[in-house]
Each structure stands twice: as structure tokens, then as C-alpha cells.
Protein backbone atom coordinates (compact mmCIF):
# COMPACT_ATOMS: atom_id res chain seq x y z
CA UNK A 1 -0.40 66.52 7.11
CA UNK A 2 0.48 64.53 9.91
CA UNK A 3 -2.01 65.03 12.84
CA UNK A 4 -2.07 68.68 13.19
CA UNK A 5 -5.15 70.48 11.97
CA UNK A 6 -4.26 73.84 9.64
CA UNK A 7 -7.27 75.66 8.71
CA UNK A 8 -7.73 77.25 5.21
CA UNK A 9 -9.99 79.60 4.23
CA UNK A 10 -10.61 82.08 1.21
CA UNK A 11 -14.31 83.24 -0.01
CA UNK A 12 -12.72 85.10 -3.15
CA UNK A 13 -11.16 82.26 -4.81
CA UNK A 14 -14.70 80.59 -5.59
CA UNK A 15 -14.87 83.93 -7.44
CA UNK A 16 -11.98 83.89 -9.70
CA UNK A 17 -13.78 80.73 -11.82
CA UNK A 18 -12.94 81.53 -15.52
CA UNK A 19 -15.35 83.23 -18.03
CA UNK A 20 -15.50 80.96 -20.72
CA UNK A 21 -17.05 77.74 -21.67
CA UNK A 22 -14.66 74.54 -22.65
CA UNK A 23 -15.66 70.97 -24.22
CA UNK A 24 -13.63 67.76 -23.60
CA UNK A 25 -11.33 67.09 -20.79
CA UNK A 26 -10.70 70.13 -20.00
CA UNK A 27 -14.51 71.44 -19.79
CA UNK A 28 -15.49 73.40 -17.03
CA UNK A 29 -18.01 71.48 -14.79
CA UNK A 30 -21.40 73.47 -13.51
CA UNK A 31 -20.68 71.88 -10.12
CA UNK A 32 -17.13 70.57 -8.27
CA UNK A 33 -17.91 66.58 -9.03
CA UNK A 34 -14.22 65.84 -8.76
CA UNK A 35 -13.89 67.87 -5.45
CA UNK A 36 -16.71 66.12 -4.37
CA UNK A 37 -15.93 62.88 -5.05
CA UNK A 38 -12.41 63.38 -3.61
CA UNK A 39 -14.30 64.41 -0.26
CA UNK A 40 -16.26 61.42 -0.40
CA UNK A 41 -13.30 59.64 -0.43
CA UNK A 42 -11.47 60.64 1.80
CA UNK A 43 -14.63 60.84 4.62
CA UNK A 44 -15.52 57.12 3.02
CA UNK A 45 -11.70 56.45 4.29
CA UNK A 46 -12.29 57.84 7.86
CA UNK A 47 -15.24 55.87 8.60
CA UNK A 48 -13.60 52.51 6.95
CA UNK A 49 -10.83 54.04 9.46
CA UNK A 50 -13.19 53.93 12.29
CA UNK A 51 -15.34 51.12 12.26
CA UNK A 52 -12.00 48.67 11.80
CA UNK A 53 -9.86 49.83 14.60
CA UNK A 54 -12.09 48.73 17.48
CA UNK A 55 -11.87 51.77 19.28
CA UNK A 56 -14.23 55.49 17.99
CA UNK A 57 -13.18 57.19 20.55
CA UNK A 58 -9.47 57.07 20.41
CA UNK A 59 -9.67 57.39 16.42
CA UNK A 60 -11.93 59.99 16.77
CA UNK A 61 -9.27 62.11 19.06
CA UNK A 62 -6.51 61.96 16.39
CA UNK A 63 -4.46 59.01 17.91
CA UNK A 64 -2.52 57.00 16.22
CA UNK A 65 -4.23 53.41 15.41
CA UNK A 66 -3.59 49.93 14.03
CA UNK A 67 -5.54 51.73 10.67
CA UNK A 68 -2.98 54.79 10.62
CA UNK A 69 -0.13 52.17 10.63
CA UNK A 70 -0.89 49.66 8.21
CA UNK A 71 -1.92 52.68 5.59
CA UNK A 72 -0.04 55.75 7.04
CA UNK A 73 3.10 56.71 5.10
CA UNK A 74 6.78 55.88 6.47
CA UNK A 75 9.66 55.32 4.94
CA UNK A 76 10.69 52.17 7.13
CA UNK A 77 9.70 51.32 10.55
CA UNK A 78 10.05 48.35 13.24
CA UNK A 79 6.87 46.38 12.83
CA UNK A 80 8.62 43.74 15.21
CA UNK A 81 10.94 43.80 18.03
CA UNK A 82 12.76 41.06 20.17
CA UNK A 83 14.83 43.78 22.99
CA UNK A 84 16.42 45.90 20.94
CA UNK A 85 16.56 44.14 17.72
CA UNK A 86 14.11 45.07 15.00
CA UNK A 87 13.02 41.38 13.69
CA UNK A 88 10.17 42.78 11.42
CA UNK A 89 9.96 45.99 9.34
CA UNK A 90 6.76 48.02 7.63
CA UNK A 91 6.90 50.97 5.03
CA UNK A 92 7.65 52.46 1.15
CA UNK A 93 10.94 50.54 1.49
CA UNK A 94 10.05 47.38 2.74
CA UNK A 95 7.48 47.43 -0.32
CA UNK A 96 4.13 48.84 0.19
CA UNK A 97 4.48 51.77 -2.52
CA UNK A 98 0.39 52.13 -1.93
CA UNK A 99 1.40 53.92 1.76
CA UNK A 100 2.31 57.01 -0.89
CA UNK A 101 -0.65 57.51 -1.89
CA UNK A 102 -3.18 55.47 0.69
CA UNK A 103 -1.52 57.85 3.43
CA UNK A 104 -3.11 61.28 1.26
CA UNK A 105 -6.54 59.76 2.24
CA UNK A 106 -6.19 58.81 5.89
CA UNK A 107 -6.58 61.26 8.87
CA UNK A 108 -5.89 62.03 12.36
CA UNK A 109 -9.03 62.37 14.06
CA UNK A 110 -12.26 64.81 13.48
CA UNK A 111 -10.92 67.92 13.84
CA UNK A 112 -7.95 66.92 11.69
CA UNK A 113 -10.27 65.57 8.67
CA UNK A 114 -13.30 68.42 9.02
CA UNK A 115 -10.84 71.51 8.84
CA UNK A 116 -8.73 68.87 5.67
CA UNK A 117 -12.40 68.58 3.83
CA UNK A 118 -13.71 72.57 4.50
CA UNK A 119 -9.93 73.46 2.62
CA UNK A 120 -10.67 70.53 0.05
CA UNK A 121 -14.26 72.09 -0.79
CA UNK A 122 -13.00 75.73 -1.01
CA UNK A 123 -9.86 75.11 -3.38
CA UNK A 124 -10.79 72.17 -4.96
CA UNK A 125 -13.89 74.12 -6.58
CA UNK A 126 -11.83 76.84 -7.28
CA UNK A 127 -9.23 74.58 -9.08
CA UNK A 128 -12.48 73.05 -11.25
CA UNK A 129 -14.04 76.18 -11.74
CA UNK A 130 -11.36 77.95 -13.20
CA UNK A 131 -10.02 74.48 -15.23
CA UNK A 132 -12.04 72.05 -15.10
CA UNK A 133 -12.49 68.23 -13.72
CA UNK A 134 -9.28 67.02 -15.22
CA UNK A 135 -7.27 69.63 -14.12
CA UNK A 136 -7.91 69.47 -10.79
CA UNK A 137 -7.53 65.74 -10.77
CA UNK A 138 -4.19 66.28 -12.17
CA UNK A 139 -3.11 68.86 -9.86
CA UNK A 140 -4.33 67.18 -6.57
CA UNK A 141 -2.82 63.99 -7.30
CA UNK A 142 0.57 65.39 -8.46
CA UNK A 143 0.31 67.46 -5.10
CA UNK A 144 -0.16 64.55 -3.51
CA UNK A 145 2.56 62.77 -4.79
CA UNK A 146 4.74 65.60 -3.81
CA UNK A 147 3.72 66.19 -0.78
CA UNK A 148 4.40 62.25 -0.01
CA UNK A 149 7.61 63.00 -1.52
CA UNK A 150 8.73 65.71 0.67
CA UNK A 151 7.34 63.87 4.08
CA UNK A 152 9.98 61.15 3.53
CA UNK A 153 12.22 63.41 2.22
CA UNK A 154 13.08 65.31 5.70
CA UNK A 155 11.33 62.93 7.93
CA UNK A 156 11.16 59.01 6.97
CA UNK A 157 10.77 57.87 10.50
CA UNK A 158 7.28 59.52 11.33
CA UNK A 159 4.34 57.83 10.57
CA UNK A 160 2.33 60.73 8.47
CA UNK A 161 -0.96 61.17 7.49
CA UNK A 162 -3.13 63.69 6.03
CA UNK A 163 -4.72 65.34 2.65
CA UNK A 164 -2.98 68.68 3.31
CA UNK A 165 -0.08 67.85 1.21
CA UNK A 166 -2.74 67.87 -1.58
CA UNK A 167 -4.25 71.07 -0.35
CA UNK A 168 -1.31 72.75 -0.31
CA UNK A 169 -1.24 71.79 -3.62
CA UNK A 170 -4.22 73.48 -4.66
CA UNK A 171 -3.27 76.86 -3.07
CA UNK A 172 0.41 76.18 -5.81
CA UNK A 173 -2.03 75.89 -8.45
CA UNK A 174 -4.41 78.99 -7.67
CA UNK A 175 -1.40 80.77 -7.46
CA UNK A 176 -0.23 79.86 -10.81
CA UNK A 177 -3.58 79.91 -12.54
CA UNK A 178 -4.30 83.72 -11.83
CA UNK A 179 -0.98 84.87 -12.09
CA UNK A 180 -1.26 83.42 -15.82
CA UNK A 181 -4.15 85.38 -16.01
CA UNK A 182 -2.53 88.18 -14.86
CA UNK A 183 -2.45 88.35 -11.26
CA UNK A 184 0.22 88.71 -9.22
CA UNK A 185 1.36 86.79 -6.37
CA UNK A 186 0.85 90.09 -3.85
CA UNK A 187 -2.77 90.84 -4.99
CA UNK A 188 -3.90 87.27 -4.33
CA UNK A 189 -6.41 86.50 -1.77
CA UNK A 190 -4.12 83.46 -0.55
CA UNK A 191 -1.22 84.84 0.01
CA UNK A 192 -1.81 85.68 3.66
CA UNK A 193 -3.78 82.17 4.15
CA UNK A 194 -0.71 80.90 2.70
CA UNK A 195 2.30 82.65 4.42
CA UNK A 196 0.02 82.07 7.87
CA UNK A 197 -0.59 78.51 7.42
CA UNK A 198 3.54 77.95 6.31
CA UNK A 199 4.23 80.16 9.78
CA UNK A 200 1.98 77.52 11.97
CA UNK A 201 4.07 74.92 9.79
CA UNK A 202 6.80 75.81 11.18
CA UNK A 203 5.98 76.86 14.23
CA UNK A 204 3.77 73.71 15.43
CA UNK A 205 4.88 70.36 16.47
CA UNK A 206 3.15 67.33 14.83
CA UNK A 207 2.84 68.65 11.46
CA UNK A 208 5.03 67.32 8.30
CA UNK A 209 6.96 70.05 7.46
CA UNK A 210 7.87 68.41 4.40
CA UNK A 211 4.52 67.15 3.08
CA UNK A 212 2.97 70.54 3.28
CA UNK A 213 6.09 72.22 1.70
CA UNK A 214 6.21 69.62 -0.98
CA UNK A 215 2.77 69.82 -1.64
CA UNK A 216 2.24 73.17 -2.39
CA UNK A 217 5.61 73.20 -4.50
CA UNK A 218 4.16 69.85 -6.71
CA UNK A 219 0.48 72.07 -7.20
CA UNK A 220 2.35 74.81 -8.03
CA UNK A 221 4.39 72.76 -10.85
CA UNK A 222 1.08 71.19 -12.14
CA UNK A 223 -0.74 74.72 -12.20
CA UNK A 224 2.16 75.58 -14.06
CA UNK A 225 2.04 73.05 -16.53
CA UNK A 226 -1.53 73.15 -16.88
CA UNK A 227 -2.64 76.88 -16.63
CA UNK A 228 -0.17 78.69 -17.97
CA UNK A 229 2.99 76.55 -20.19
CA UNK A 230 -0.37 75.12 -21.24
CA UNK A 231 -1.79 77.83 -23.32
CA UNK A 232 1.72 79.26 -24.77
CA UNK A 233 1.86 79.26 -28.80
CA UNK A 234 2.68 75.95 -30.55
CA UNK A 235 2.19 73.92 -27.68
CA UNK A 236 0.27 70.56 -28.51
CA UNK A 237 -2.50 69.84 -26.43
CA UNK A 238 -1.48 66.60 -24.98
CA UNK A 239 2.30 67.36 -23.65
CA UNK A 240 1.60 69.49 -20.54
CA UNK A 241 -0.60 66.09 -19.48
CA UNK A 242 2.62 63.65 -20.87
CA UNK A 243 4.75 66.10 -18.48
CA UNK A 244 2.58 66.00 -15.22
CA UNK A 245 1.98 62.67 -15.42
CA UNK A 246 6.33 62.40 -15.82
CA UNK A 247 6.11 64.56 -12.71
CA UNK A 248 4.16 62.07 -10.65
CA UNK A 249 5.76 59.17 -11.65
CA UNK A 250 9.52 60.80 -10.89
CA UNK A 251 7.57 61.77 -7.33
CA UNK A 252 6.62 57.77 -6.77
CA UNK A 253 10.02 56.59 -7.30
CA UNK A 254 11.64 58.99 -5.63
CA UNK A 255 9.86 58.67 -2.74
CA UNK A 256 10.95 54.98 -3.35
CA UNK A 257 14.54 55.13 -3.21
CA UNK A 258 14.58 58.16 -0.87
CA UNK A 259 12.49 55.30 1.33
CA UNK A 260 15.21 52.13 0.31
CA UNK A 261 17.93 54.26 2.21
CA UNK A 262 16.32 55.01 5.03
CA UNK A 263 17.35 54.00 8.19
CA UNK A 264 14.31 52.48 10.74
CA UNK A 265 12.19 54.77 12.16
């Protein structure tokens, strides 16, 4: 998340699909429909932002525009000032809760969205192949909300945007899905990719540490619930979905509470 681009590459992940056929809510799709839809939404938002920003060159280069200010993630920020006195504020803490979600579909420039959409295609397709469309949708949603919570917790005054929190969550879910199939973390083809990206997250400026780590944890939790816990004996089929919904709701509430207590950024 934020304005830096972090690369992801895991060709082997798309080869780890399930061998069984399911029907209903967890059905395995022959093509990654949800992944394609998520990419389409991200691209559509990017194009809309470019059109309404009034300066396509500035928007494509990764500069902050009015579109980012209106829909990016921030706990509380000053929107108007008289001298050194803030007379207007914006942010999640001012009732603009939609920013928790909209920020996950914004990007800072062409390179940012291209890198993230490539990562979403590779990792989203892998999760969708492993667990089906519904599981991908839930993992992505929980990871997006967890990334927003992490960003608000660690950097409430920054204007954060990007899908990479949710993308880190897809990596977390793949780790847990592989573990549920008996593949230890150390043997995952994603381990090196994850470690490299975490190093970049910590070492480079302009990257949301809270967004990336929060998304990774959120996706890991959702992945464990849907790929491991859901397959335990005597677990009602609806319970894992209810748990994920409860986690998502808790993350929204937590984001609002953190933002309400934040000082002006």
C-alpha cells in the first residue's frame, strides 16, 4: 500500500490447485472470474481517477491528486486552515468510513497499479484455483480491511492507497492453504518472495508497513479459517464464513475507533 510499488512473482503458485471438484459456494472455477473482476474494478477506478483528477500526467506519474485526497485512507487530516489553525478535517475519524474500502482500489501512478495487478493476477488465480471464487472474495475482503486497520494503526496521518495490503493477504492465505495440505512454510515457493517484500517494506520510504503486515495477517487468518479449520471434523459448513464476517466487522470497528482517537495528520 501507499505510493511505492512492490513486486510479486510466484509462477509455481498457479500449479498448486486442488485436485477435487466442488459444487456450490466453494466451487472451483475453470477460469479466475473473481480475480478478473477485482482487476477490472481496480483498473476502472484508476481510469476514473485519471479522468477526474484534471491532470493525467501528474496522476500517471504517481503524484497525489484530489482523487487520492477524496478517497484515500487517512484517520484525520486537515482539509482547510486559517493560518496555523485547522478549520476543516477529513478522514475515517470524521465519519468518512468508505475510505477504509475505497483506498484499497486506489493507486499512485501507472507503475504502482501495473505491479499490483500482475501480483493480483498470479496470487488471486492461485487462491481461486485452490478454494473457489467465494473463498478468494472473502480472503481478499478480510485482507483489505486488515491492511486498512494496520495502516491506520501505525500511520494514521498518512494518505495511504493501494491494493498491496490485500495482495499480501493472498500470500498469507496461500501459506495457510499449503500448510493445510501438508506443505510446510519452509517449502513454500512464496517464502523467498514474502521475505524479500517484507525487507523492502521495512527498508524503503513511502511504503505502508502497517498496510502490508496487517493485510498479511488478515489474509493468513482468513486462509486458516477457510482452508484448515473449515476442513476439521464436525465443523458446521456455515461457521467459517460467519467467523470471517465477524473478523471483517471487527476490523472495520477497530479502524473507526483508531481513527476517532487519532490526532490531526
